[in-house]
Amino acid sequence: MTGNNDDRQAQMWAMWCHLASLAWIPLAIIGLPIPFANIVGPLIFWVLKKEADPFINDQGKESLNFQISMTIYGFIATIVLVFIAVIYFIVAGVAASNDGGLLILAGGVIGIGLIGLLAVIGIFQLIVVILAAVKAKGGYAYRYPFTIRLIK
């Protein structure tokens, strides 16, 4: 590993800025689903350590921006899912009176597809957070894809 002890400390704290966004996983497993834990975790590390080193400040902001972006995308996907479900149940209710079994099947496939999309977003988020943490620990600034940079 290159760099002095201060650099290694900054890299470690930057890594934790990324990994803290995964705190919701063990909390949910033990029955403590904390809303926005994916944002609160990195926020705590960033606020505590952003003045200590520019690398921590940069990676903390990057982690926060990504988590905020993923939360926004998740809300949008949920709204779309609910909207499609409402429309589907209205149409399926009308079609059921006209023997619309195929329409009901199609609605189920669409619903499963949208839920699958949310799962893919979650898996993507997990993979890139781990990648970002590894890069930060190695001293490399990571830029998340699909990120709205709200915190400059």
Protein backbone atom coordinates (compact mmCIF):
# COMPACT_ATOMS: atom_id res chain seq x y z
CA MET A 1 0.00 0.00 0.00
CA THR A 2 1.33 3.41 -0.89
CA GLY A 3 1.03 6.66 0.97
CA ASN A 4 1.50 7.70 4.52
CA ASN A 5 -0.68 6.89 7.51
CA ASP A 6 -2.88 9.97 6.94
CA ASP A 7 -3.60 8.83 3.37
CA ARG A 8 -4.47 5.33 4.56
CA GLN A 9 -6.78 6.77 7.22
CA ALA A 10 -8.51 8.96 4.63
CA GLN A 11 -8.93 5.96 2.33
CA MET A 12 -10.43 3.93 5.17
CA TRP A 13 -12.92 6.67 6.08
CA ALA A 14 -13.82 7.14 2.40
CA MET A 15 -14.45 3.40 2.17
CA TRP A 16 -16.79 3.61 5.18
CA CYS A 17 -18.66 6.50 3.55
CA HIS A 18 -19.60 4.02 0.82
CA LEU A 19 -20.18 0.91 2.95
CA ALA A 20 -22.36 2.78 5.47
CA SER A 21 -25.05 2.94 2.80
CA LEU A 22 -25.51 -0.82 3.23
CA ALA A 23 -26.39 -0.47 6.94
CA TRP A 24 -30.06 -0.95 6.08
CA ILE A 25 -29.46 -4.62 5.18
CA PRO A 26 -28.57 -6.00 8.65
CA LEU A 27 -31.06 -3.62 10.24
CA ALA A 28 -33.86 -4.98 8.04
CA ILE A 29 -32.78 -8.57 8.74
CA ILE A 30 -33.08 -8.06 12.51
CA GLY A 31 -36.45 -6.37 12.11
CA LEU A 32 -35.38 -2.71 12.33
CA PRO A 33 -36.09 -1.32 8.88
CA ILE A 34 -35.01 2.31 9.24
CA PRO A 35 -36.28 4.54 6.43
CA PHE A 36 -33.48 6.21 4.47
CA ALA A 37 -30.75 4.28 6.32
CA ASN A 38 -28.94 4.10 2.98
CA ILE A 39 -28.62 7.90 3.15
CA VAL A 40 -28.23 8.38 6.91
CA GLY A 41 -25.22 6.03 7.18
CA PRO A 42 -23.00 7.82 4.65
CA LEU A 43 -24.26 11.19 5.89
CA ILE A 44 -23.00 10.48 9.41
CA PHE A 45 -19.52 9.46 8.21
CA TRP A 46 -19.31 12.37 5.77
CA VAL A 47 -20.39 15.01 8.31
CA LEU A 48 -17.96 13.69 10.91
CA LYS A 49 -14.94 13.39 8.60
CA LYS A 50 -15.41 15.71 5.57
CA GLU A 51 -13.08 18.36 7.00
CA ALA A 52 -10.33 15.83 7.75
CA ASP A 53 -9.33 15.20 4.13
CA PRO A 54 -10.49 16.28 0.64
CA PHE A 55 -10.67 12.62 -0.43
CA ILE A 56 -13.15 11.80 2.35
CA ASN A 57 -15.18 14.88 1.44
CA ASP A 58 -15.26 13.90 -2.24
CA GLN A 59 -16.15 10.25 -1.70
CA GLY A 60 -18.70 11.06 1.01
CA LYS A 61 -20.50 13.44 -1.35
CA GLU A 62 -20.31 10.85 -4.12
CA SER A 63 -21.85 8.19 -1.88
CA LEU A 64 -24.60 10.52 -0.70
CA ASN A 65 -25.43 11.68 -4.21
CA PHE A 66 -25.69 8.08 -5.41
CA GLN A 67 -27.88 7.00 -2.50
CA ILE A 68 -30.16 10.02 -2.92
CA SER A 69 -30.37 9.26 -6.66
CA MET A 70 -31.22 5.59 -6.03
CA THR A 71 -33.88 6.62 -3.51
CA ILE A 72 -35.43 8.99 -6.06
CA TYR A 73 -35.34 6.27 -8.74
CA GLY A 74 -36.90 3.81 -6.29
CA PHE A 75 -39.74 6.22 -5.50
CA ILE A 76 -40.37 6.77 -9.21
CA ALA A 77 -40.37 3.01 -9.88
CA THR A 78 -42.78 2.48 -6.97
CA ILE A 79 -45.13 5.19 -8.23
CA VAL A 80 -45.08 3.64 -11.71
CA LEU A 81 -45.68 0.19 -10.20
CA VAL A 82 -48.65 1.42 -8.16
CA PHE A 83 -50.09 3.33 -11.14
CA ILE A 84 -49.83 0.30 -13.41
CA ALA A 85 -51.31 -1.94 -10.70
CA VAL A 86 -54.31 0.36 -10.25
CA ILE A 87 -54.91 0.54 -14.01
CA TYR A 88 -54.43 -3.21 -14.28
CA PHE A 89 -56.96 -3.98 -11.52
CA ILE A 90 -59.49 -1.62 -13.10
CA VAL A 91 -59.06 -3.22 -16.53
CA ALA A 92 -58.87 -6.75 -15.11
CA GLY A 93 -62.05 -6.16 -13.15
CA VAL A 94 -63.88 -5.15 -16.32
CA ALA A 95 -62.27 -7.96 -18.31
CA ALA A 96 -63.09 -10.57 -15.67
CA SER A 97 -66.74 -10.03 -16.36
CA ASN A 98 -65.99 -10.73 -20.04
CA ASP A 99 -63.77 -13.81 -19.46
CA GLY A 100 -60.49 -11.90 -19.64
CA GLY A 101 -58.18 -14.60 -18.34
CA LEU A 102 -55.41 -13.64 -20.77
CA LEU A 103 -55.52 -10.03 -19.57
CA ILE A 104 -55.22 -11.17 -15.97
CA LEU A 105 -52.22 -13.32 -16.87
CA ALA A 106 -50.60 -10.41 -18.73
CA GLY A 107 -51.10 -8.16 -15.71
CA GLY A 108 -49.41 -10.70 -13.48
CA VAL A 109 -46.44 -10.90 -15.83
CA ILE A 110 -46.16 -7.09 -15.90
CA GLY A 111 -46.33 -6.93 -12.10
CA ILE A 112 -43.66 -9.59 -11.67
CA GLY A 113 -41.52 -7.78 -14.25
CA LEU A 114 -41.75 -4.49 -12.38
CA ILE A 115 -40.97 -6.11 -9.05
CA GLY A 116 -38.03 -7.80 -10.78
CA LEU A 117 -36.88 -4.39 -11.98
CA LEU A 118 -36.82 -3.12 -8.39
CA ALA A 119 -34.78 -6.19 -7.41
CA VAL A 120 -32.30 -5.54 -10.24
CA ILE A 121 -31.93 -1.93 -9.07
CA GLY A 122 -31.18 -3.20 -5.55
CA ILE A 123 -28.60 -5.72 -6.75
CA PHE A 124 -26.98 -3.08 -8.97
CA GLN A 125 -26.81 -0.74 -5.99
CA LEU A 126 -25.14 -3.41 -3.83
CA ILE A 127 -22.53 -4.23 -6.49
CA VAL A 128 -21.51 -0.64 -7.23
CA VAL A 129 -21.34 0.28 -3.53
CA ILE A 130 -18.93 -2.59 -2.91
CA LEU A 131 -16.92 -1.61 -5.99
CA ALA A 132 -16.80 2.02 -4.80
CA ALA A 133 -15.64 0.95 -1.33
CA VAL A 134 -12.84 -1.18 -2.78
CA LYS A 135 -11.73 1.67 -5.06
CA ALA A 136 -11.82 4.20 -2.20
CA LYS A 137 -9.81 1.88 0.05
CA GLY A 138 -7.22 1.72 -2.73
CA GLY A 139 -7.08 5.52 -2.91
CA TYR A 140 -9.01 5.90 -6.16
CA ALA A 141 -11.93 8.30 -6.44
CA TYR A 142 -15.01 6.41 -7.64
CA ARG A 143 -17.81 7.96 -9.68
CA TYR A 144 -21.11 6.13 -9.50
CA PRO A 145 -23.11 5.74 -12.71
CA PHE A 146 -26.62 7.22 -13.05
CA THR A 147 -25.97 9.69 -10.23
CA ILE A 148 -27.64 13.06 -9.88
CA ARG A 149 -25.00 15.26 -8.29
CA LEU A 150 -27.13 17.26 -5.87
CA ILE A 151 -24.40 17.85 -3.29
CA LYS A 152 -21.54 19.72 -4.94
